[in-house]
PDB file of N, CA and C in Angstrom:
ATOM      1  N   UNK A   1      30.377   8.269 -26.405  1.00  0.00           N
ATOM      2  CA  UNK A   1      30.277   7.982 -27.828  1.00  0.00           C
ATOM      3  C   UNK A   1      31.495   8.506 -28.586  1.00  0.00           C
ATOM      4  N   UNK A   2      32.112   9.573 -28.064  1.00  0.00           N
ATOM      5  CA  UNK A   2      33.311  10.103 -28.717  1.00  0.00           C
ATOM      6  C   UNK A   2      34.447   9.087 -28.681  1.00  0.00           C
ATOM      7  N   UNK A   3      34.544   8.342 -27.593  1.00  0.00           N
ATOM      8  CA  UNK A   3      35.583   7.311 -27.494  1.00  0.00           C
ATOM      9  C   UNK A   3      35.358   6.224 -28.539  1.00  0.00           C
ATOM     10  N   UNK A   4      34.104   5.862 -28.771  1.00  0.00           N
ATOM     11  CA  UNK A   4      33.783   4.844 -29.774  1.00  0.00           C
ATOM     12  C   UNK A   4      34.177   5.320 -31.168  1.00  0.00           C
ATOM     13  N   UNK A   5      33.904   6.567 -31.467  1.00  0.00           N
ATOM     14  CA  UNK A   5      34.261   7.132 -32.773  1.00  0.00           C
ATOM     15  C   UNK A   5      35.778   7.143 -32.938  1.00  0.00           C
ATOM     16  N   UNK A   6      36.484   7.541 -31.892  1.00  0.00           N
ATOM     17  CA  UNK A   6      37.946   7.581 -31.958  1.00  0.00           C
ATOM     18  C   UNK A   6      38.529   6.175 -32.148  1.00  0.00           C
ATOM     19  N   UNK A   7      37.968   5.182 -31.463  1.00  0.00           N
ATOM     20  CA  UNK A   7      38.437   3.803 -31.622  1.00  0.00           C
ATOM     21  C   UNK A   7      38.223   3.329 -33.057  1.00  0.00           C
ATOM     22  N   UNK A   8      37.087   3.688 -33.635  1.00  0.00           N
ATOM     23  CA  UNK A   8      36.812   3.331 -35.030  1.00  0.00           C
ATOM     24  C   UNK A   8      37.845   3.975 -35.952  1.00  0.00           C
ATOM     25  N   UNK A   9      38.160   5.236 -35.700  1.00  0.00           N
ATOM     26  CA  UNK A   9      39.154   5.936 -36.523  1.00  0.00           C
ATOM     27  C   UNK A   9      40.534   5.285 -36.412  1.00  0.00           C
ATOM     28  N   UNK A  10      40.809   4.648 -35.268  1.00  0.00           N
ATOM     29  CA  UNK A  10      42.089   3.969 -35.079  1.00  0.00           C
ATOM     30  C   UNK A  10      42.137   2.614 -35.775  1.00  0.00           C
ATOM     31  N   UNK A  11      40.986   2.162 -36.300  1.00  0.00           N
ATOM     32  CA  UNK A  11      40.966   0.912 -37.042  1.00  0.00           C
ATOM     33  C   UNK A  11      40.300  -0.253 -36.337  1.00  0.00           C
ATOM     34  N   UNK A  12      39.724   0.001 -35.171  1.00  0.00           N
ATOM     35  CA  UNK A  12      39.017  -1.062 -34.463  1.00  0.00           C
ATOM     36  C   UNK A  12      37.591  -1.175 -34.989  1.00  0.00           C
ATOM     37  N   UNK A  13      37.010  -2.360 -34.842  1.00  0.00           N
ATOM     38  CA  UNK A  13      35.584  -2.537 -35.098  1.00  0.00           C
ATOM     39  C   UNK A  13      34.879  -2.146 -33.806  1.00  0.00           C
ATOM     40  N   UNK A  14      33.819  -1.349 -33.912  1.00  0.00           N
ATOM     41  CA  UNK A  14      33.121  -0.855 -32.725  1.00  0.00           C
ATOM     42  C   UNK A  14      31.635  -1.164 -32.857  1.00  0.00           C
ATOM     43  N   UNK A  15      31.072  -1.787 -31.818  1.00  0.00           N
ATOM     44  CA  UNK A  15      29.632  -2.032 -31.829  1.00  0.00           C
ATOM     45  C   UNK A  15      28.909  -0.727 -31.531  1.00  0.00           C
ATOM     46  N   UNK A  16      27.647  -0.657 -31.915  1.00  0.00           N
ATOM     47  CA  UNK A  16      26.864   0.546 -31.648  1.00  0.00           C
ATOM     48  C   UNK A  16      26.772   0.785 -30.146  1.00  0.00           C
ATOM     49  N   UNK A  17      27.044   2.018 -29.696  1.00  0.00           N
ATOM     50  CA  UNK A  17      26.883   2.328 -28.271  1.00  0.00           C
ATOM     51  C   UNK A  17      25.430   2.128 -27.851  1.00  0.00           C
ATOM     52  N   UNK A  18      25.244   1.575 -26.649  1.00  0.00           N
ATOM     53  CA  UNK A  18      23.896   1.348 -26.146  1.00  0.00           C
ATOM     54  C   UNK A  18      23.839   1.673 -24.657  1.00  0.00           C
ATOM     55  N   UNK A  19      22.650   2.034 -24.199  1.00  0.00           N
ATOM     56  CA  UNK A  19      22.450   2.325 -22.788  1.00  0.00           C
ATOM     57  C   UNK A  19      22.252   1.025 -22.025  1.00  0.00           C
ATOM     58  N   UNK A  20      22.806   0.986 -20.821  1.00  0.00           N
ATOM     59  CA  UNK A  20      22.698  -0.185 -19.966  1.00  0.00           C
ATOM     60  C   UNK A  20      22.503   0.288 -18.534  1.00  0.00           C
ATOM     61  N   UNK A  21      21.544  -0.301 -17.829  1.00  0.00           N
ATOM     62  CA  UNK A  21      21.343   0.028 -16.420  1.00  0.00           C
ATOM     63  C   UNK A  21      22.174  -0.938 -15.585  1.00  0.00           C
ATOM     64  N   UNK A  22      23.049  -0.379 -14.742  1.00  0.00           N
ATOM     65  CA  UNK A  22      23.901  -1.209 -13.896  1.00  0.00           C
ATOM     66  C   UNK A  22      23.215  -1.472 -12.559  1.00  0.00           C
ATOM     67  N   UNK A  23      23.824  -2.313 -11.725  1.00  0.00           N
ATOM     68  CA  UNK A  23      23.209  -2.782 -10.491  1.00  0.00           C
ATOM     69  C   UNK A  23      22.706  -1.672  -9.579  1.00  0.00           C
ATOM     70  N   UNK A  24      23.433  -0.564  -9.498  1.00  0.00           N
ATOM     71  CA  UNK A  24      23.011   0.510  -8.588  1.00  0.00           C
ATOM     72  C   UNK A  24      21.968   1.436  -9.202  1.00  0.00           C
ATOM     73  N   UNK A  25      21.499   1.103 -10.397  1.00  0.00           N
ATOM     74  CA  UNK A  25      20.450   1.885 -11.043  1.00  0.00           C
ATOM     75  C   UNK A  25      20.957   2.954 -11.992  1.00  0.00           C
ATOM     76  N   UNK A  26      22.265   3.202 -11.996  1.00  0.00           N
ATOM     77  CA  UNK A  26      22.825   4.189 -12.919  1.00  0.00           C
ATOM     78  C   UNK A  26      22.713   3.680 -14.352  1.00  0.00           C
ATOM     79  N   UNK A  27      22.584   4.622 -15.267  1.00  0.00           N
ATOM     80  CA  UNK A  27      22.562   4.309 -16.694  1.00  0.00           C
ATOM     81  C   UNK A  27      23.937   4.645 -17.265  1.00  0.00           C
ATOM     82  N   UNK A  28      24.534   3.689 -17.964  1.00  0.00           N
ATOM     83  CA  UNK A  28      25.821   3.917 -18.614  1.00  0.00           C
ATOM     84  C   UNK A  28      25.664   3.649 -20.104  1.00  0.00           C
ATOM     85  N   UNK A  29      26.538   4.235 -20.875  1.00  0.00           N
ATOM     86  CA  UNK A  29      26.584   3.960 -22.309  1.00  0.00           C
ATOM     87  C   UNK A  29      27.798   3.065 -22.529  1.00  0.00           C
ATOM     88  N   UNK A  30      27.591   1.950 -23.224  1.00  0.00           N
ATOM     89  CA  UNK A  30      28.687   1.009 -23.415  1.00  0.00           C
ATOM     90  C   UNK A  30      28.749   0.537 -24.863  1.00  0.00           C
ATOM     91  N   UNK A  31      29.916   0.033 -25.224  1.00  0.00           N
ATOM     92  CA  UNK A  31      30.112  -0.561 -26.543  1.00  0.00           C
ATOM     93  C   UNK A  31      31.268  -1.539 -26.443  1.00  0.00           C
ATOM     94  N   UNK A  32      31.390  -2.377 -27.435  1.00  0.00           N
ATOM     95  CA  UNK A  32      32.533  -3.276 -27.545  1.00  0.00           C
ATOM     96  C   UNK A  32      33.460  -2.733 -28.618  1.00  0.00           C
ATOM     97  N   UNK A  33      34.744  -2.782 -28.338  1.00  0.00           N
ATOM     98  CA  UNK A  33      35.766  -2.387 -29.300  1.00  0.00           C
ATOM     99  C   UNK A  33      36.531  -3.663 -29.632  1.00  0.00           C
ATOM    100  N   UNK A  34      36.489  -4.049 -30.899  1.00  0.00           N
ATOM    101  CA  UNK A  34      36.978  -5.364 -31.310  1.00  0.00           C
ATOM    102  C   UNK A  34      38.159  -5.275 -32.263  1.00  0.00           C
ATOM    103  N   UNK A  35      39.007  -6.281 -32.178  1.00  0.00           N
ATOM    104  CA  UNK A  35      40.119  -6.416 -33.104  1.00  0.00           C
ATOM    105  C   UNK A  35      40.445  -7.896 -33.221  1.00  0.00           C
ATOM    106  N   UNK A  36      40.695  -8.355 -34.412  1.00  0.00           N
ATOM    107  CA  UNK A  36      41.138  -9.731 -34.600  1.00  0.00           C
ATOM    108  C   UNK A  36      42.633  -9.718 -34.841  1.00  0.00           C
ATOM    109  N   UNK A  37      43.348 -10.473 -34.015  1.00  0.00           N
ATOM    110  CA  UNK A  37      44.794 -10.599 -34.185  1.00  0.00           C
ATOM    111  C   UNK A  37      45.216 -11.931 -33.588  1.00  0.00           C
ATOM    112  N   UNK A  38      46.457 -12.274 -33.795  1.00  0.00           N
ATOM    113  CA  UNK A  38      46.990 -13.505 -33.226  1.00  0.00           C
ATOM    114  C   UNK A  38      46.940 -13.427 -31.703  1.00  0.00           C
ATOM    115  N   UNK A  39      46.801 -14.572 -31.059  1.00  0.00           N
ATOM    116  CA  UNK A  39      46.819 -14.631 -29.610  1.00  0.00           C
ATOM    117  C   UNK A  39      48.278 -14.540 -29.171  1.00  0.00           C
ATOM    118  N   UNK A  40      48.742 -13.284 -29.098  1.00  0.00           N
ATOM    119  CA  UNK A  40      50.142 -12.985 -28.841  1.00  0.00           C
ATOM    120  C   UNK A  40      50.193 -11.903 -27.771  1.00  0.00           C
ATOM    121  N   UNK A  41      50.886 -12.170 -26.679  1.00  0.00           N
ATOM    122  CA  UNK A  41      50.901 -11.249 -25.539  1.00  0.00           C
ATOM    123  C   UNK A  41      51.391  -9.857 -25.921  1.00  0.00           C
ATOM    124  N   UNK A  42      52.417  -9.754 -26.743  1.00  0.00           N
ATOM    125  CA  UNK A  42      52.938  -8.437 -27.119  1.00  0.00           C
ATOM    126  C   UNK A  42      51.908  -7.635 -27.911  1.00  0.00           C
ATOM    127  N   UNK A  43      51.204  -8.289 -28.836  1.00  0.00           N
ATOM    128  CA  UNK A  43      50.167  -7.602 -29.613  1.00  0.00           C
ATOM    129  C   UNK A  43      49.029  -7.148 -28.710  1.00  0.00           C
ATOM    130  N   UNK A  44      48.600  -8.034 -27.827  1.00  0.00           N
ATOM    131  CA  UNK A  44      47.493  -7.709 -26.929  1.00  0.00           C
ATOM    132  C   UNK A  44      47.895  -6.589 -25.982  1.00  0.00           C
ATOM    133  N   UNK A  45      49.111  -6.643 -25.439  1.00  0.00           N
ATOM    134  CA  UNK A  45      49.583  -5.579 -24.549  1.00  0.00           C
ATOM    135  C   UNK A  45      49.592  -4.227 -25.248  1.00  0.00           C
ATOM    136  N   UNK A  46      50.014  -4.197 -26.508  1.00  0.00           N
ATOM    137  CA  UNK A  46      50.042  -2.939 -27.266  1.00  0.00           C
ATOM    138  C   UNK A  46      48.632  -2.388 -27.448  1.00  0.00           C
ATOM    139  N   UNK A  47      47.675  -3.265 -27.738  1.00  0.00           N
ATOM    140  CA  UNK A  47      46.298  -2.804 -27.917  1.00  0.00           C
ATOM    141  C   UNK A  47      45.682  -2.365 -26.595  1.00  0.00           C
ATOM    142  N   UNK A  48      45.958  -3.097 -25.516  1.00  0.00           N
ATOM    143  CA  UNK A  48      45.443  -2.704 -24.201  1.00  0.00           C
ATOM    144  C   UNK A  48      45.972  -1.325 -23.830  1.00  0.00           C
ATOM    145  N   UNK A  49      47.256  -1.100 -24.040  1.00  0.00           N
ATOM    146  CA  UNK A  49      47.842   0.210 -23.739  1.00  0.00           C
ATOM    147  C   UNK A  49      47.173   1.305 -24.572  1.00  0.00           C
ATOM    148  N   UNK A  50      46.951   1.035 -25.851  1.00  0.00           N
ATOM    149  CA  UNK A  50      46.311   2.015 -26.722  1.00  0.00           C
ATOM    150  C   UNK A  50      44.886   2.308 -26.251  1.00  0.00           C
ATOM    151  N   UNK A  51      44.146   1.274 -25.860  1.00  0.00           N
ATOM    152  CA  UNK A  51      42.764   1.476 -25.421  1.00  0.00           C
ATOM    153  C   UNK A  51      42.692   2.126 -24.043  1.00  0.00           C
ATOM    154  N   UNK A  52      43.645   1.836 -23.167  1.00  0.00           N
ATOM    155  CA  UNK A  52      43.667   2.504 -21.867  1.00  0.00           C
ATOM    156  C   UNK A  52      43.954   3.993 -22.033  1.00  0.00           C
ATOM    157  N   UNK A  53      44.853   4.332 -22.932  1.00  0.00           N
ATOM    158  CA  UNK A  53      45.137   5.738 -23.222  1.00  0.00           C
ATOM    159  C   UNK A  53      43.894   6.424 -23.767  1.00  0.00           C
ATOM    160  N   UNK A  54      43.184   5.750 -24.650  1.00  0.00           N
ATOM    161  CA  UNK A  54      41.941   6.280 -25.207  1.00  0.00           C
ATOM    162  C   UNK A  54      40.904   6.489 -24.103  1.00  0.00           C
ATOM    163  N   UNK A  55      40.776   5.524 -23.206  1.00  0.00           N
ATOM    164  CA  UNK A  55      39.812   5.630 -22.106  1.00  0.00           C
ATOM    165  C   UNK A  55      40.142   6.809 -21.195  1.00  0.00           C
ATOM    166  N   UNK A  56      41.420   6.996 -20.893  1.00  0.00           N
ATOM    167  CA  UNK A  56      41.830   8.129 -20.062  1.00  0.00           C
ATOM    168  C   UNK A  56      41.538   9.449 -20.762  1.00  0.00           C
ATOM    169  N   UNK A  57      41.797   9.509 -22.047  1.00  0.00           N
ATOM    170  CA  UNK A  57      41.571  10.734 -22.815  1.00  0.00           C
ATOM    171  C   UNK A  57      40.115  11.172 -22.751  1.00  0.00           C
ATOM    172  N   UNK A  58      39.191  10.215 -22.818  1.00  0.00           N
ATOM    173  CA  UNK A  58      37.766  10.546 -22.845  1.00  0.00           C
ATOM    174  C   UNK A  58      37.081  10.311 -21.498  1.00  0.00           C
ATOM    175  N   UNK A  59      37.863  10.004 -20.460  1.00  0.00           N
ATOM    176  CA  UNK A  59      37.348   9.789 -19.106  1.00  0.00           C
ATOM    177  C   UNK A  59      36.228   8.751 -19.097  1.00  0.00           C
ATOM    178  N   UNK A  60      36.521   7.594 -19.707  1.00  0.00           N
ATOM    179  CA  UNK A  60      35.576   6.476 -19.713  1.00  0.00           C
ATOM    180  C   UNK A  60      36.240   5.275 -19.050  1.00  0.00           C
ATOM    181  N   UNK A  61      35.438   4.295 -18.682  1.00  0.00           N
ATOM    182  CA  UNK A  61      35.956   3.101 -18.024  1.00  0.00           C
ATOM    183  C   UNK A  61      36.279   2.029 -19.059  1.00  0.00           C
ATOM    184  N   UNK A  62      37.493   1.524 -18.989  1.00  0.00           N
ATOM    185  CA  UNK A  62      37.920   0.403 -19.832  1.00  0.00           C
ATOM    186  C   UNK A  62      37.912  -0.831 -18.948  1.00  0.00           C
ATOM    187  N   UNK A  63      37.134  -1.850 -19.304  1.00  0.00           N
ATOM    188  CA  UNK A  63      37.004  -3.000 -18.404  1.00  0.00           C
ATOM    189  C   UNK A  63      37.786  -4.230 -18.856  1.00  0.00           C
ATOM    190  N   UNK A  64      38.735  -4.051 -19.738  1.00  0.00           N
ATOM    191  CA  UNK A  64      39.622  -5.146 -20.086  1.00  0.00           C
ATOM    192  C   UNK A  64      39.335  -5.783 -21.427  1.00  0.00           C
ATOM    193  N   UNK A  65      40.042  -6.848 -21.696  1.00  0.00           N
ATOM    194  CA  UNK A  65      39.931  -7.517 -22.983  1.00  0.00           C
ATOM    195  C   UNK A  65      39.480  -8.954 -22.761  1.00  0.00           C
ATOM    196  N   UNK A  66      39.054  -9.563 -23.832  1.00  0.00           N
ATOM    197  CA  UNK A  66      38.642 -10.960 -23.782  1.00  0.00           C
ATOM    198  C   UNK A  66      38.963 -11.627 -25.100  1.00  0.00           C
ATOM    199  N   UNK A  67      38.779 -12.913 -25.126  1.00  0.00           N
ATOM    200  CA  UNK A  67      39.012 -13.666 -26.343  1.00  0.00           C
ATOM    201  C   UNK A  67      37.974 -14.778 -26.431  1.00  0.00           C
ATOM    202  N   UNK A  68      37.897 -15.405 -27.555  1.00  0.00           N
ATOM    203  CA  UNK A  68      36.980 -16.521 -27.717  1.00  0.00           C
ATOM    204  C   UNK A  68      37.657 -17.596 -28.558  1.00  0.00           C
ATOM    205  N   UNK A  69      37.182 -18.791 -28.413  1.00  0.00           N
ATOM    206  CA  UNK A  69      37.747 -19.930 -29.123  1.00  0.00           C
ATOM    207  C   UNK A  69      37.078 -20.077 -30.478  1.00  0.00           C
ATOM    208  N   UNK A  70      37.891 -20.230 -31.503  1.00  0.00           N
ATOM    209  CA  UNK A  70      37.374 -20.542 -32.829  1.00  0.00           C
ATOM    210  C   UNK A  70      37.759 -21.976 -33.145  1.00  0.00           C
ATOM    211  N   UNK A  71      36.771 -22.803 -33.392  1.00  0.00           N
ATOM    212  CA  UNK A  71      36.995 -24.210 -33.697  1.00  0.00           C
ATOM    213  C   UNK A  71      37.680 -24.335 -35.054  1.00  0.00           C
ATOM    214  N   UNK A  72      38.911 -24.854 -35.083  1.00  0.00           N
ATOM    215  CA  UNK A  72      39.600 -24.981 -36.375  1.00  0.00           C
ATOM    216  C   UNK A  72      38.903 -25.965 -37.309  1.00  0.00           C
ATOM    217  N   UNK A  73      38.059 -26.817 -36.753  1.00  0.00           N
ATOM    218  CA  UNK A  73      37.316 -27.778 -37.565  1.00  0.00           C
ATOM    219  C   UNK A  73      35.896 -27.306 -37.840  1.00  0.00           C
ATOM    220  N   UNK A  74      35.602 -26.067 -37.441  1.00  0.00           N
ATOM    221  CA  UNK A  74      34.269 -25.520 -37.650  1.00  0.00           C
ATOM    222  C   UNK A  74      33.970 -25.332 -39.120  1.00  0.00           C
ATOM    223  N   UNK A  75      32.695 -25.156 -39.419  1.00  0.00           N
ATOM    224  CA  UNK A  75      32.280 -25.057 -40.816  1.00  0.00           C
ATOM    225  C   UNK A  75      32.234 -23.636 -41.335  1.00  0.00           C
ATOM    226  N   UNK A  76      32.528 -22.661 -40.500  1.00  0.00           N
ATOM    227  CA  UNK A  76      32.524 -21.276 -40.942  1.00  0.00           C
ATOM    228  C   UNK A  76      33.781 -21.041 -41.772  1.00  0.00           C
ATOM    229  N   UNK A  77      33.643 -20.988 -43.067  1.00  0.00           N
ATOM    230  CA  UNK A  77      34.789 -20.885 -43.957  1.00  0.00           C
ATOM    231  C   UNK A  77      35.295 -19.476 -44.175  1.00  0.00           C
ATOM    232  N   UNK A  78      34.669 -18.478 -43.557  1.00  0.00           N
ATOM    233  CA  UNK A  78      35.071 -17.094 -43.790  1.00  0.00           C
ATOM    234  C   UNK A  78      36.369 -16.733 -43.082  1.00  0.00           C
ATOM    235  N   UNK A  79      36.631 -17.341 -41.948  1.00  0.00           N
ATOM    236  CA  UNK A  79      37.799 -16.983 -41.156  1.00  0.00           C
ATOM    237  C   UNK A  79      38.947 -17.922 -41.477  1.00  0.00           C
ATOM    238  N   UNK A  80      40.021 -17.376 -41.937  1.00  0.00           N
ATOM    239  CA  UNK A  80      41.218 -18.154 -42.207  1.00  0.00           C
ATOM    240  C   UNK A  80      42.160 -17.994 -41.024  1.00  0.00           C
ATOM    241  N   UNK A  81      42.981 -18.986 -40.775  1.00  0.00           N
ATOM    242  CA  UNK A  81      44.000 -18.875 -39.741  1.00  0.00           C
ATOM    243  C   UNK A  81      45.150 -18.066 -40.323  1.00  0.00           C
ATOM    244  N   UNK A  82      45.012 -16.762 -40.282  1.00  0.00           N
ATOM    245  CA  UNK A  82      45.980 -15.862 -40.880  1.00  0.00           C
ATOM    246  C   UNK A  82      46.703 -15.112 -39.781  1.00  0.00           C
ATOM    247  N   UNK A  83      48.001 -15.186 -39.768  1.00  0.00           N
ATOM    248  CA  UNK A  83      48.802 -14.435 -38.815  1.00  0.00           C
ATOM    249  C   UNK A  83      49.594 -13.416 -39.609  1.00  0.00           C
ATOM    250  N   UNK A  84      49.347 -12.145 -39.330  1.00  0.00           N
ATOM    251  CA  UNK A  84      50.065 -11.065 -39.994  1.00  0.00           C
ATOM    252  C   UNK A  84      51.358 -10.825 -39.229  1.00  0.00           C
ATOM    253  N   UNK A  85      52.462 -11.239 -39.789  1.00  0.00           N
ATOM    254  CA  UNK A  85      53.753 -11.113 -39.116  1.00  0.00           C
ATOM    255  C   UNK A  85      54.142  -9.658 -38.867  1.00  0.00           C
ATOM    256  N   UNK A  86      53.575  -8.723 -39.626  1.00  0.00           N
ATOM    257  CA  UNK A  86      53.897  -7.309 -39.469  1.00  0.00           C
ATOM    258  C   UNK A  86      52.977  -6.597 -38.489  1.00  0.00           C
ATOM    259  N   UNK A  87      51.998  -7.294 -37.927  1.00  0.00           N
ATOM    260  CA  UNK A  87      51.032  -6.679 -37.012  1.00  0.00           C
ATOM    261  C   UNK A  87      51.705  -6.407 -35.678  1.00  0.00           C
ATOM    262  N   UNK A  88      51.833  -5.109 -35.327  1.00  0.00           N
ATOM    263  CA  UNK A  88      52.431  -4.742 -34.049  1.00  0.00           C
ATOM    264  C   UNK A  88      51.380  -4.515 -32.970  1.00  0.00           C
ATOM    265  N   UNK A  89      50.101  -4.741 -33.306  1.00  0.00           N
ATOM    266  CA  UNK A  89      49.026  -4.612 -32.339  1.00  0.00           C
ATOM    267  C   UNK A  89      48.432  -3.236 -32.256  1.00  0.00           C
ATOM    268  N   UNK A  90      49.161  -2.229 -32.645  1.00  0.00           N
ATOM    269  CA  UNK A  90      48.675  -0.853 -32.553  1.00  0.00           C
ATOM    270  C   UNK A  90      47.861  -0.536 -33.787  1.00  0.00           C
ATOM    271  N   UNK A  91      46.675  -0.034 -33.569  1.00  0.00           N
ATOM    272  CA  UNK A  91      45.803   0.357 -34.673  1.00  0.00           C
ATOM    273  C   UNK A  91      46.047   1.829 -34.981  1.00  0.00           C
ATOM    274  N   UNK A  92      46.006   2.168 -36.257  1.00  0.00           N
ATOM    275  CA  UNK A  92      46.348   3.531 -36.688  1.00  0.00           C
ATOM    276  C   UNK A  92      45.156   4.242 -37.244  1.00  0.00           C
TER     277      UNK A  92
END
Protein backbone atom coordinates (compact mmCIF):
# COMPACT_ATOMS: atom_id res chain seq x y z
CA UNK A 1 0.00 0.00 0.00
CA UNK A 2 2.96 2.32 0.57
CA UNK A 3 3.89 1.99 -3.10
CA UNK A 4 0.36 3.01 -4.09
CA UNK A 5 0.54 6.10 -1.89
CA UNK A 6 3.93 7.04 -3.32
CA UNK A 7 2.64 6.62 -6.90
CA UNK A 8 -0.29 8.91 -6.07
CA UNK A 9 2.12 11.50 -4.67
CA UNK A 10 4.05 11.34 -7.96
CA UNK A 11 0.88 12.32 -9.82
CA UNK A 12 -0.46 8.99 -11.01
CA UNK A 13 -4.07 7.91 -10.61
CA UNK A 14 -4.14 4.85 -8.34
CA UNK A 15 -7.00 2.40 -7.87
CA UNK A 16 -7.81 1.25 -4.36
CA UNK A 17 -5.50 -1.60 -3.29
CA UNK A 18 -7.36 -4.90 -3.07
CA UNK A 19 -6.56 -8.45 -2.02
CA UNK A 20 -6.37 -11.09 -4.74
CA UNK A 21 -5.80 -14.83 -4.43
CA UNK A 22 -3.35 -16.07 -7.06
CA UNK A 23 -3.18 -19.55 -8.60
CA UNK A 24 -0.95 -21.05 -5.91
CA UNK A 25 -3.30 -19.86 -3.17
CA UNK A 26 -1.17 -16.94 -1.99
CA UNK A 27 -2.93 -13.67 -1.22
CA UNK A 28 -1.44 -10.55 -2.80
CA UNK A 29 -2.41 -6.91 -2.59
CA UNK A 30 -2.68 -5.26 -5.99
CA UNK A 31 -3.67 -1.97 -7.57
CA UNK A 32 -3.54 -0.25 -10.92
CA UNK A 33 -1.38 2.82 -11.40
CA UNK A 34 -2.74 4.89 -14.27
CA UNK A 35 -1.60 7.79 -16.40
CA UNK A 36 -3.04 9.28 -19.55
CA UNK A 37 -0.48 10.45 -22.07
CA UNK A 38 0.22 10.30 -25.77
CA UNK A 39 1.10 6.90 -27.19
CA UNK A 40 4.76 7.83 -27.41
CA UNK A 41 7.59 5.37 -26.72
CA UNK A 42 9.82 7.92 -24.99
CA UNK A 43 7.03 9.00 -22.61
CA UNK A 44 6.07 5.41 -21.84
CA UNK A 45 9.71 4.40 -21.30
CA UNK A 46 10.17 7.26 -18.82
CA UNK A 47 7.08 6.20 -16.86
CA UNK A 48 8.06 2.52 -16.91
CA UNK A 49 11.50 3.42 -15.55
CA UNK A 50 9.91 5.57 -12.83
CA UNK A 51 7.49 2.79 -11.84
CA UNK A 52 10.19 0.11 -11.87
CA UNK A 53 12.29 2.25 -9.54
CA UNK A 54 9.25 2.66 -7.29
CA UNK A 55 8.63 -1.11 -7.31
CA UNK A 56 12.25 -1.82 -6.36
CA UNK A 57 12.12 0.75 -3.57
CA UNK A 58 9.10 -0.92 -1.96
CA UNK A 59 10.01 -4.51 -2.97
CA UNK A 60 6.80 -5.04 -4.95
CA UNK A 61 6.20 -6.68 -8.32
CA UNK A 62 5.64 -4.43 -11.33
CA UNK A 63 3.92 -6.41 -14.08
CA UNK A 64 4.18 -3.94 -16.93
CA UNK A 65 2.05 -1.43 -18.73
CA UNK A 66 -0.93 -1.59 -21.02
CA UNK A 67 -3.04 0.62 -23.18
CA UNK A 68 -6.55 0.70 -24.54
CA UNK A 69 -8.19 1.99 -27.67
CA UNK A 70 -10.35 5.08 -27.49
CA UNK A 71 -12.77 5.37 -30.40
CA UNK A 72 -12.29 8.84 -31.90
CA UNK A 73 -15.89 8.65 -33.11
CA UNK A 74 -17.18 7.58 -29.70
CA UNK A 75 -19.83 9.57 -27.92
CA UNK A 76 -17.89 10.12 -24.71
CA UNK A 77 -17.25 13.85 -24.99
CA UNK A 78 -15.14 14.16 -21.83
CA UNK A 79 -11.88 13.02 -23.39
CA UNK A 80 -10.26 15.36 -25.85
CA UNK A 81 -7.42 14.33 -28.13
CA UNK A 82 -4.95 16.48 -26.25
CA UNK A 83 -1.22 16.01 -26.62
CA UNK A 84 0.86 17.92 -24.09
CA UNK A 85 4.05 18.76 -25.98
CA UNK A 86 5.83 19.47 -22.67
CA UNK A 87 4.98 16.07 -21.14
CA UNK A 88 8.25 14.21 -20.53
CA UNK A 89 6.43 11.19 -19.07
CA UNK A 90 7.86 11.56 -15.60
CA UNK A 91 5.34 12.30 -12.90
CA UNK A 92 6.42 14.61 -10.09
